[in-house]
Amino acid sequence: MAYNPNIHNRKSIRLKGYDYSKAGLYFVTICCQNRECFFGEILNNEMILNDAGQMVDDEWLGLRERFPNIKLHEYIIMPNHFHAILEIVEATLVVASIDNNASTDDVSTTLVVASNDDNAQNDNVVEKGHPRVVDPTVDAMVKTLGDMVGAFQSITTVEYINGVKTKNWKQFNKKLWQRNYWEHIIRNEKSLHNISEYIINNPKNWTNDKLK
């Protein structure tokens, strides 16, 4: 799939008034500062991750533990940028107690995430069609897409700095990532398919990539 400005707009297009903690699918692109290549190289149309790129991969997958109400779809780590489809799923905070006479000290708050996915990404799923209950980071419910991307940028920057100090990774100038990021709200199956194909084929299109 070639570059398509309708799904991969280079401008920051946060929709005024839109609730970015709302359940839905989001296409996210994050670029390295100054478009420098830190995470590996393209060989024979394939992305070969270096140690820093593998770290980014691990931390992206680790977001599922930090934000239990997300699912991760297609993603690709490129030499100097990152594409991903992230889904925020419906979740509800419920209050439960052991018995009807429990004191307020015995009341606990739990995050319940609805799941009908055979491949749900949480070990606490009981069975298909049942909710999965996870020990809460109680404020996870109010986290926005920006909070999640910001956490990812912060965590990977700290880990990268450690790699510079201890593993001789390439140094960066002031920032690893650009401060801003680009996102697109995926509203239908056709758009999801097109963007997924774009992500999968990104290494093959590296020669003509607009983010090089």
Protein backbone atom coordinates (compact mmCIF):
# COMPACT_ATOMS: atom_id res chain seq x y z
CA MET A 1 0.00 0.00 0.00
CA ALA A 2 1.41 3.39 -1.00
CA TYR A 3 1.45 6.43 1.25
CA ASN A 4 -2.10 7.72 1.61
CA PRO A 5 -2.58 11.19 3.11
CA ASN A 6 -6.18 10.34 3.98
CA ILE A 7 -5.05 7.79 6.56
CA HIS A 8 -1.55 9.00 7.30
CA ASN A 9 -1.84 12.74 7.65
CA ARG A 10 1.42 14.38 8.72
CA LYS A 11 -0.40 17.10 10.66
CA SER A 12 -1.42 16.71 14.27
CA ILE A 13 -5.17 16.24 13.92
CA ARG A 14 -6.52 15.98 17.44
CA LEU A 15 -10.23 16.50 17.04
CA LYS A 16 -11.44 19.37 19.17
CA GLY A 17 -13.75 18.07 21.85
CA TYR A 18 -13.09 14.40 21.06
CA ASP A 19 -12.69 12.08 24.04
CA TYR A 20 -9.44 10.21 23.40
CA SER A 21 -10.14 7.85 26.29
CA LYS A 22 -13.15 6.62 24.30
CA ALA A 23 -13.24 2.99 23.16
CA GLY A 24 -12.10 2.61 19.58
CA LEU A 25 -9.24 1.87 17.22
CA TYR A 26 -6.45 4.39 16.70
CA PHE A 27 -3.61 4.48 14.18
CA VAL A 28 -0.54 6.04 15.78
CA THR A 29 2.76 7.18 14.27
CA ILE A 30 5.70 8.33 16.42
CA CYS A 31 8.93 9.62 14.87
CA CYS A 32 12.43 9.81 16.28
CA GLN A 33 13.79 13.29 16.86
CA ASN A 34 15.30 14.65 13.65
CA ARG A 35 14.27 11.40 11.95
CA GLU A 36 17.47 9.74 13.12
CA CYS A 37 17.74 5.96 12.80
CA PHE A 38 18.13 4.26 16.18
CA PHE A 39 16.28 0.96 16.02
CA GLY A 40 17.87 -1.13 13.27
CA GLU A 41 17.92 -1.28 9.48
CA ILE A 42 15.98 -2.50 6.47
CA LEU A 43 17.60 -5.50 4.74
CA ASN A 44 15.92 -7.29 1.84
CA ASN A 45 12.67 -5.44 2.54
CA GLU A 46 12.60 -6.61 6.15
CA MET A 47 13.10 -4.63 9.34
CA ILE A 48 16.01 -6.02 11.34
CA LEU A 49 15.80 -4.77 14.92
CA ASN A 50 18.93 -3.96 16.86
CA ASP A 51 18.98 -4.19 20.66
CA ALA A 52 17.36 -0.76 20.98
CA GLY A 53 14.63 -1.77 18.56
CA GLN A 54 13.99 -4.95 20.53
CA MET A 55 13.68 -2.84 23.67
CA VAL A 56 11.04 -0.68 21.95
CA ASP A 57 9.20 -3.84 20.90
CA ASP A 58 9.22 -5.19 24.46
CA GLU A 59 8.01 -1.91 25.95
CA TRP A 60 5.18 -1.58 23.43
CA LEU A 61 3.90 -5.03 24.30
CA GLY A 62 4.36 -4.18 27.98
CA LEU A 63 1.79 -1.39 27.73
CA ARG A 64 -0.91 -4.07 28.09
CA GLU A 65 0.13 -4.49 31.72
CA ARG A 66 0.15 -0.76 32.40
CA PHE A 67 -3.16 -0.11 30.63
CA PRO A 68 -5.36 -3.23 30.97
CA ASN A 69 -8.15 -1.77 28.83
CA ILE A 70 -6.14 -1.80 25.58
CA LYS A 71 -5.52 -4.30 22.82
CA LEU A 72 -2.57 -4.06 20.44
CA HIS A 73 -3.05 -4.82 16.77
CA GLU A 74 -0.60 -4.47 13.84
CA TYR A 75 2.55 -2.50 14.54
CA ILE A 76 5.98 -2.03 13.04
CA ILE A 77 9.19 -0.58 14.42
CA MET A 78 11.09 1.15 11.62
CA PRO A 79 14.66 2.51 11.80
CA ASN A 80 13.46 5.99 12.75
CA HIS A 81 9.72 5.77 13.43
CA PHE A 82 6.97 3.57 14.74
CA HIS A 83 3.49 2.72 13.46
CA ALA A 84 0.82 0.93 15.47
CA ILE A 85 -2.88 0.28 15.77
CA LEU A 86 -4.02 0.52 19.36
CA GLU A 87 -7.53 -0.31 20.54
CA ILE A 88 -9.09 1.09 23.69
CA VAL A 89 -11.80 -1.32 24.83
CA GLU A 90 -14.85 -0.74 26.96
CA ALA A 91 -14.15 -1.03 30.67
CA THR A 92 -16.07 -0.34 33.85
CA LEU A 93 -14.99 0.32 37.40
CA VAL A 94 -17.11 -1.69 39.84
CA VAL A 95 -17.20 -1.74 43.63
CA ALA A 96 -17.43 -5.12 45.31
CA SER A 97 -17.35 -6.41 48.87
CA ILE A 98 -17.12 -9.84 50.45
CA ASP A 99 -20.49 -9.63 52.24
CA ASN A 100 -23.41 -7.28 52.64
CA ASN A 101 -22.28 -6.27 56.12
CA ALA A 102 -18.73 -5.38 55.08
CA SER A 103 -17.36 -2.12 56.35
CA THR A 104 -16.10 0.51 53.94
CA ASP A 105 -12.58 -0.75 54.65
CA ASP A 106 -13.53 -4.09 53.07
CA VAL A 107 -14.82 -2.56 49.85
CA SER A 108 -12.51 -2.91 46.87
CA THR A 109 -12.52 -1.29 43.46
CA THR A 110 -11.94 -3.51 40.46
CA LEU A 111 -11.49 -2.84 36.78
CA VAL A 112 -13.69 -5.06 34.62
CA VAL A 113 -12.89 -5.26 30.92
CA ALA A 114 -15.49 -6.79 28.62
CA SER A 115 -14.06 -9.48 26.36
CA ASN A 116 -15.49 -11.61 23.58
CA ASP A 117 -12.14 -12.27 21.93
CA ASP A 118 -10.73 -15.79 21.63
CA ASN A 119 -7.26 -14.24 21.54
CA ALA A 120 -7.76 -11.73 24.35
CA GLN A 121 -4.46 -10.39 25.63
CA ASN A 122 -4.93 -10.86 29.34
CA ASP A 123 -4.38 -13.94 31.47
CA ASN A 124 -7.39 -13.05 33.63
CA VAL A 125 -9.97 -13.86 30.95
CA VAL A 126 -12.16 -16.64 32.35
CA GLU A 127 -13.78 -17.77 29.10
CA LYS A 128 -15.18 -16.31 25.94
CA GLY A 129 -18.16 -14.03 26.54
CA HIS A 130 -17.22 -13.30 30.16
CA PRO A 131 -15.56 -10.18 31.49
CA ARG A 132 -11.95 -10.25 32.51
CA VAL A 133 -11.26 -8.77 35.93
CA VAL A 134 -7.87 -7.23 36.56
CA ASP A 135 -6.29 -5.76 39.64
CA PRO A 136 -6.72 -2.08 39.02
CA THR A 137 -4.46 0.74 38.31
CA VAL A 138 -7.68 2.51 39.22
CA ASP A 139 -6.98 5.65 37.20
CA ALA A 140 -6.40 3.55 34.03
CA MET A 141 -10.04 4.19 33.15
CA VAL A 142 -9.44 7.88 32.57
CA LYS A 143 -6.24 7.57 30.58
CA THR A 144 -6.33 8.96 27.07
CA LEU A 145 -4.52 7.86 23.94
CA GLY A 146 -2.10 10.72 24.56
CA ASP A 147 -1.38 9.43 28.07
CA MET A 148 -0.61 5.99 26.66
CA VAL A 149 1.66 7.29 23.90
CA GLY A 150 3.36 9.60 26.39
CA ALA A 151 4.02 6.72 28.78
CA PHE A 152 5.49 4.67 25.93
CA GLN A 153 7.75 7.54 24.87
CA SER A 154 8.89 8.17 28.44
CA ILE A 155 9.59 4.52 29.28
CA THR A 156 11.51 3.85 26.07
CA THR A 157 13.53 7.05 26.48
CA VAL A 158 14.64 6.02 29.97
CA GLU A 159 15.55 2.54 28.75
CA TYR A 160 17.40 3.96 25.75
CA ILE A 161 19.44 6.27 27.99
CA ASN A 162 20.39 3.22 30.05
CA GLY A 163 21.45 1.52 26.82
CA VAL A 164 23.62 4.48 25.86
CA LYS A 165 25.34 4.34 29.24
CA THR A 166 25.77 0.59 29.55
CA LYS A 167 25.60 -0.88 26.03
CA ASN A 168 27.12 1.82 23.84
CA TRP A 169 23.90 2.53 21.95
CA LYS A 170 23.92 5.46 19.57
CA GLN A 171 23.53 8.76 21.41
CA PHE A 172 20.67 11.13 20.65
CA ASN A 173 20.47 14.91 20.86
CA LYS A 174 18.22 15.97 23.77
CA LYS A 175 15.20 13.85 22.75
CA LEU A 176 14.76 10.31 21.46
CA TRP A 177 11.26 10.95 20.10
CA GLN A 178 9.60 13.96 18.59
CA ARG A 179 7.34 15.54 21.18
CA ASN A 180 4.23 15.24 19.04
CA TYR A 181 2.75 12.21 17.36
CA TRP A 182 0.19 11.61 14.64
CA GLU A 183 -3.03 9.71 15.08
CA HIS A 184 -6.02 8.71 13.02
CA ILE A 185 -9.32 7.41 14.39
CA ILE A 186 -10.18 4.19 12.57
CA ARG A 187 -13.92 4.23 11.95
CA ASN A 188 -14.62 1.17 9.78
CA GLU A 189 -13.32 -2.22 8.65
CA LYS A 190 -12.07 -0.95 5.30
CA SER A 191 -9.92 1.69 6.98
CA LEU A 192 -8.63 -0.89 9.47
CA HIS A 193 -7.67 -3.22 6.62
CA ASN A 194 -5.94 -0.49 4.61
CA ILE A 195 -3.94 0.78 7.56
CA SER A 196 -2.99 -2.75 8.63
CA GLU A 197 -1.67 -3.40 5.12
CA TYR A 198 0.22 -0.10 5.18
CA ILE A 199 1.92 -1.11 8.44
CA ILE A 200 2.76 -4.63 7.26
CA ASN A 201 4.25 -3.36 3.99
CA ASN A 202 6.13 -0.43 5.49
CA PRO A 203 9.58 -2.09 5.31
CA LYS A 204 9.06 -2.90 1.62
CA ASN A 205 8.35 0.78 0.94
CA TRP A 206 11.32 2.10 2.92
CA THR A 207 13.09 3.47 -0.15
CA ASN A 208 10.21 5.87 -0.83
CA ASP A 209 9.13 6.35 2.79
CA LYS A 210 8.12 9.95 3.53
CA LEU A 211 9.49 9.61 7.07
CA LYS A 212 13.08 8.77 6.07
